[in-house]
Amino acid sequence: MHPEDQYAVRALKAGASGYLTKNTAPEKLVDAIQIVAAGRKYITPELAESLASHLTEDKEKPLHNSLSDREFETIRMIASGKKLSEIAAEMSLSPKTVSVYRARILEKCACAPTEN
């Protein structure tokens, strides 16, 4: 998924009623405002197509394929039972950086806790 798609999904999951990119034509902004004001959701047709095409791609690929090399290395070490401080020392990183990798892994693999 492209970063713009990811921002849109995050925004909509967080409760946004619509999403426009910076390069959306100004007249589309008026359309979006009217649609949202009517109580509906709005995304551009291009974004809708992009999101739809990624739905099937995401199901076909294992979740770990979306991880960077460092994130994959981190998850392997976590799975082997190492503590974050041990991982940080072995990878020559700060524990905070390892925590960031761990948070990204959880997010990418849809393991992050959801708010109810």
C-alpha atoms as a PDB file:
ATOM      1  CA  MET A   1       0.000   0.000   0.000  1.00  0.00           C
ATOM      2  CA  HIS A   2       1.249   3.503  -0.746  1.00  0.00           C
ATOM      3  CA  PRO A   3       1.686   5.903   2.187  1.00  0.00           C
ATOM      4  CA  GLU A   4      -1.286   7.999   1.026  1.00  0.00           C
ATOM      5  CA  ASP A   5      -3.508   4.904   1.170  1.00  0.00           C
ATOM      6  CA  GLN A   6      -2.257   4.098   4.654  1.00  0.00           C
ATOM      7  CA  TYR A   7      -2.986   7.612   5.898  1.00  0.00           C
ATOM      8  CA  ALA A   8      -6.486   7.414   4.465  1.00  0.00           C
ATOM      9  CA  VAL A   9      -7.203   4.088   6.148  1.00  0.00           C
ATOM     10  CA  ARG A  10      -5.859   5.384   9.456  1.00  0.00           C
ATOM     11  CA  ALA A  11      -7.888   8.570   9.232  1.00  0.00           C
ATOM     12  CA  LEU A  12     -11.100   6.708   8.415  1.00  0.00           C
ATOM     13  CA  LYS A  13     -10.517   4.148  11.183  1.00  0.00           C
ATOM     14  CA  ALA A  14      -9.944   7.029  13.595  1.00  0.00           C
ATOM     15  CA  GLY A  15     -13.383   8.415  12.748  1.00  0.00           C
ATOM     16  CA  ALA A  16     -12.805  10.758   9.808  1.00  0.00           C
ATOM     17  CA  SER A  17     -15.808  11.160   7.543  1.00  0.00           C
ATOM     18  CA  GLY A  18     -13.725  11.614   4.427  1.00  0.00           C
ATOM     19  CA  TYR A  19     -10.274  11.802   2.980  1.00  0.00           C
ATOM     20  CA  LEU A  20      -8.765  13.916   0.202  1.00  0.00           C
ATOM     21  CA  THR A  21      -5.192  14.059  -1.032  1.00  0.00           C
ATOM     22  CA  LYS A  22      -3.293  17.310  -1.570  1.00  0.00           C
ATOM     23  CA  ASN A  23      -3.605  16.993  -5.328  1.00  0.00           C
ATOM     24  CA  THR A  24      -7.374  16.628  -5.323  1.00  0.00           C
ATOM     25  CA  ALA A  25      -9.061  19.167  -7.600  1.00  0.00           C
ATOM     26  CA  PRO A  26     -10.637  22.076  -5.683  1.00  0.00           C
ATOM     27  CA  GLU A  27     -14.117  21.317  -7.051  1.00  0.00           C
ATOM     28  CA  LYS A  28     -13.875  17.843  -5.473  1.00  0.00           C
ATOM     29  CA  LEU A  29     -13.480  19.532  -2.095  1.00  0.00           C
ATOM     30  CA  VAL A  30     -16.931  21.086  -2.480  1.00  0.00           C
ATOM     31  CA  ASP A  31     -18.367  17.665  -3.431  1.00  0.00           C
ATOM     32  CA  ALA A  32     -16.666  16.067  -0.433  1.00  0.00           C
ATOM     33  CA  ILE A  33     -18.024  18.690   1.978  1.00  0.00           C
ATOM     34  CA  GLN A  34     -21.557  18.223   0.670  1.00  0.00           C
ATOM     35  CA  ILE A  35     -21.352  14.433   0.946  1.00  0.00           C
ATOM     36  CA  VAL A  36     -19.933  14.551   4.476  1.00  0.00           C
ATOM     37  CA  ALA A  37     -22.501  17.186   5.488  1.00  0.00           C
ATOM     38  CA  ALA A  38     -25.204  14.756   4.331  1.00  0.00           C
ATOM     39  CA  GLY A  39     -23.852  12.215   6.824  1.00  0.00           C
ATOM     40  CA  ARG A  40     -22.026   9.968   4.358  1.00  0.00           C
ATOM     41  CA  LYS A  41     -18.350   9.071   3.913  1.00  0.00           C
ATOM     42  CA  TYR A  42     -16.175  10.467   1.114  1.00  0.00           C
ATOM     43  CA  ILE A  43     -13.020   9.231  -0.587  1.00  0.00           C
ATOM     44  CA  THR A  44     -11.889   9.927  -4.116  1.00  0.00           C
ATOM     45  CA  PRO A  45     -12.622   7.308  -6.789  1.00  0.00           C
ATOM     46  CA  GLU A  46      -8.867   6.905  -7.315  1.00  0.00           C
ATOM     47  CA  LEU A  47      -8.305   6.170  -3.640  1.00  0.00           C
ATOM     48  CA  ALA A  48     -11.263   3.765  -3.608  1.00  0.00           C
ATOM     49  CA  GLU A  49      -9.799   1.872  -6.559  1.00  0.00           C
ATOM     50  CA  SER A  50      -6.362   1.755  -4.970  1.00  0.00           C
ATOM     51  CA  LEU A  51      -7.759   0.469  -1.666  1.00  0.00           C
ATOM     52  CA  ALA A  52      -9.883  -2.137  -3.429  1.00  0.00           C
ATOM     53  CA  SER A  53      -6.943  -3.431  -5.437  1.00  0.00           C
ATOM     54  CA  HIS A  54      -4.861  -3.777  -2.282  1.00  0.00           C
ATOM     55  CA  LEU A  55      -7.530  -5.840  -0.523  1.00  0.00           C
ATOM     56  CA  THR A  56      -6.824  -8.906  -2.632  1.00  0.00           C
ATOM     57  CA  GLU A  57      -3.056  -8.328  -2.645  1.00  0.00           C
ATOM     58  CA  ASP A  58      -2.935  -8.179   1.143  1.00  0.00           C
ATOM     59  CA  LYS A  59      -4.793 -11.479   1.524  1.00  0.00           C
ATOM     60  CA  GLU A  60      -2.419 -13.288  -0.812  1.00  0.00           C
ATOM     61  CA  LYS A  61       0.823 -12.172   0.856  1.00  0.00           C
ATOM     62  CA  PRO A  62       1.965 -13.362   4.285  1.00  0.00           C
ATOM     63  CA  LEU A  63       1.858 -10.528   6.824  1.00  0.00           C
ATOM     64  CA  HIS A  64       5.583 -10.705   7.523  1.00  0.00           C
ATOM     65  CA  ASN A  65       6.348  -9.762   3.894  1.00  0.00           C
ATOM     66  CA  SER A  66       5.405  -6.167   4.718  1.00  0.00           C
ATOM     67  CA  LEU A  67       8.147  -5.909   7.352  1.00  0.00           C
ATOM     68  CA  SER A  68      11.464  -4.179   6.712  1.00  0.00           C
ATOM     69  CA  ASP A  69      14.630  -6.231   7.166  1.00  0.00           C
ATOM     70  CA  ARG A  70      15.245  -4.669  10.591  1.00  0.00           C
ATOM     71  CA  GLU A  71      11.655  -5.271  11.693  1.00  0.00           C
ATOM     72  CA  PHE A  72      11.875  -8.899  10.560  1.00  0.00           C
ATOM     73  CA  GLU A  73      15.158  -9.353  12.417  1.00  0.00           C
ATOM     74  CA  THR A  74      13.559  -7.811  15.509  1.00  0.00           C
ATOM     75  CA  ILE A  75      10.501 -10.085  15.411  1.00  0.00           C
ATOM     76  CA  ARG A  76      12.733 -13.149  15.045  1.00  0.00           C
ATOM     77  CA  MET A  77      14.629 -12.143  18.181  1.00  0.00           C
ATOM     78  CA  ILE A  78      11.425 -11.404  20.097  1.00  0.00           C
ATOM     79  CA  ALA A  79      10.074 -14.797  19.065  1.00  0.00           C
ATOM     80  CA  SER A  80      13.257 -16.456  20.298  1.00  0.00           C
ATOM     81  CA  GLY A  81      12.547 -15.026  23.761  1.00  0.00           C
ATOM     82  CA  LYS A  82      15.055 -12.187  23.887  1.00  0.00           C
ATOM     83  CA  LYS A  83      14.291  -9.060  25.906  1.00  0.00           C
ATOM     84  CA  LEU A  84      14.166  -5.667  24.195  1.00  0.00           C
ATOM     85  CA  SER A  85      17.375  -4.610  25.938  1.00  0.00           C
ATOM     86  CA  GLU A  86      19.144  -7.749  24.671  1.00  0.00           C
ATOM     87  CA  ILE A  87      17.874  -7.129  21.143  1.00  0.00           C
ATOM     88  CA  ALA A  88      19.033  -3.508  21.322  1.00  0.00           C
ATOM     89  CA  ALA A  89      22.525  -4.536  22.399  1.00  0.00           C
ATOM     90  CA  GLU A  90      22.795  -7.236  19.726  1.00  0.00           C
ATOM     91  CA  MET A  91      21.590  -4.909  16.947  1.00  0.00           C
ATOM     92  CA  SER A  92      23.609  -1.917  18.254  1.00  0.00           C
ATOM     93  CA  LEU A  93      20.450   0.141  18.700  1.00  0.00           C
ATOM     94  CA  SER A  94      18.820   1.984  21.555  1.00  0.00           C
ATOM     95  CA  PRO A  95      16.014   0.128  23.388  1.00  0.00           C
ATOM     96  CA  LYS A  96      13.658   2.910  22.267  1.00  0.00           C
ATOM     97  CA  THR A  97      14.418   2.140  18.597  1.00  0.00           C
ATOM     98  CA  VAL A  98      13.686  -1.537  19.209  1.00  0.00           C
ATOM     99  CA  SER A  99      10.387  -0.524  20.843  1.00  0.00           C
ATOM    100  CA  VAL A 100       9.543   1.502  17.730  1.00  0.00           C
ATOM    101  CA  TYR A 101      10.291  -1.536  15.547  1.00  0.00           C
ATOM    102  CA  ARG A 102       8.077  -3.667  17.785  1.00  0.00           C
ATOM    103  CA  ALA A 103       5.211  -1.169  17.518  1.00  0.00           C
ATOM    104  CA  ARG A 104       5.559  -1.086  13.722  1.00  0.00           C
ATOM    105  CA  ILE A 105       5.525  -4.895  13.599  1.00  0.00           C
ATOM    106  CA  LEU A 106       2.319  -4.995  15.631  1.00  0.00           C
ATOM    107  CA  GLU A 107       0.726  -2.371  13.407  1.00  0.00           C
ATOM    108  CA  LYS A 108       1.746  -3.986  10.129  1.00  0.00           C
ATOM    109  CA  CYS A 109       0.634  -7.424  11.236  1.00  0.00           C
ATOM    110  CA  ALA A 110      -2.674  -6.092  12.576  1.00  0.00           C
ATOM    111  CA  CYS A 111      -1.787  -7.314  16.045  1.00  0.00           C
ATOM    112  CA  ALA A 112      -2.093  -3.919  17.676  1.00  0.00           C
ATOM    113  CA  PRO A 113      -4.787  -3.710  20.342  1.00  0.00           C
ATOM    114  CA  THR A 114      -7.960  -2.003  19.197  1.00  0.00           C
ATOM    115  CA  GLU A 115      -9.925   0.468  21.273  1.00  0.00           C
ATOM    116  CA  ASN A 116     -13.510  -0.498  22.113  1.00  0.00           C
END
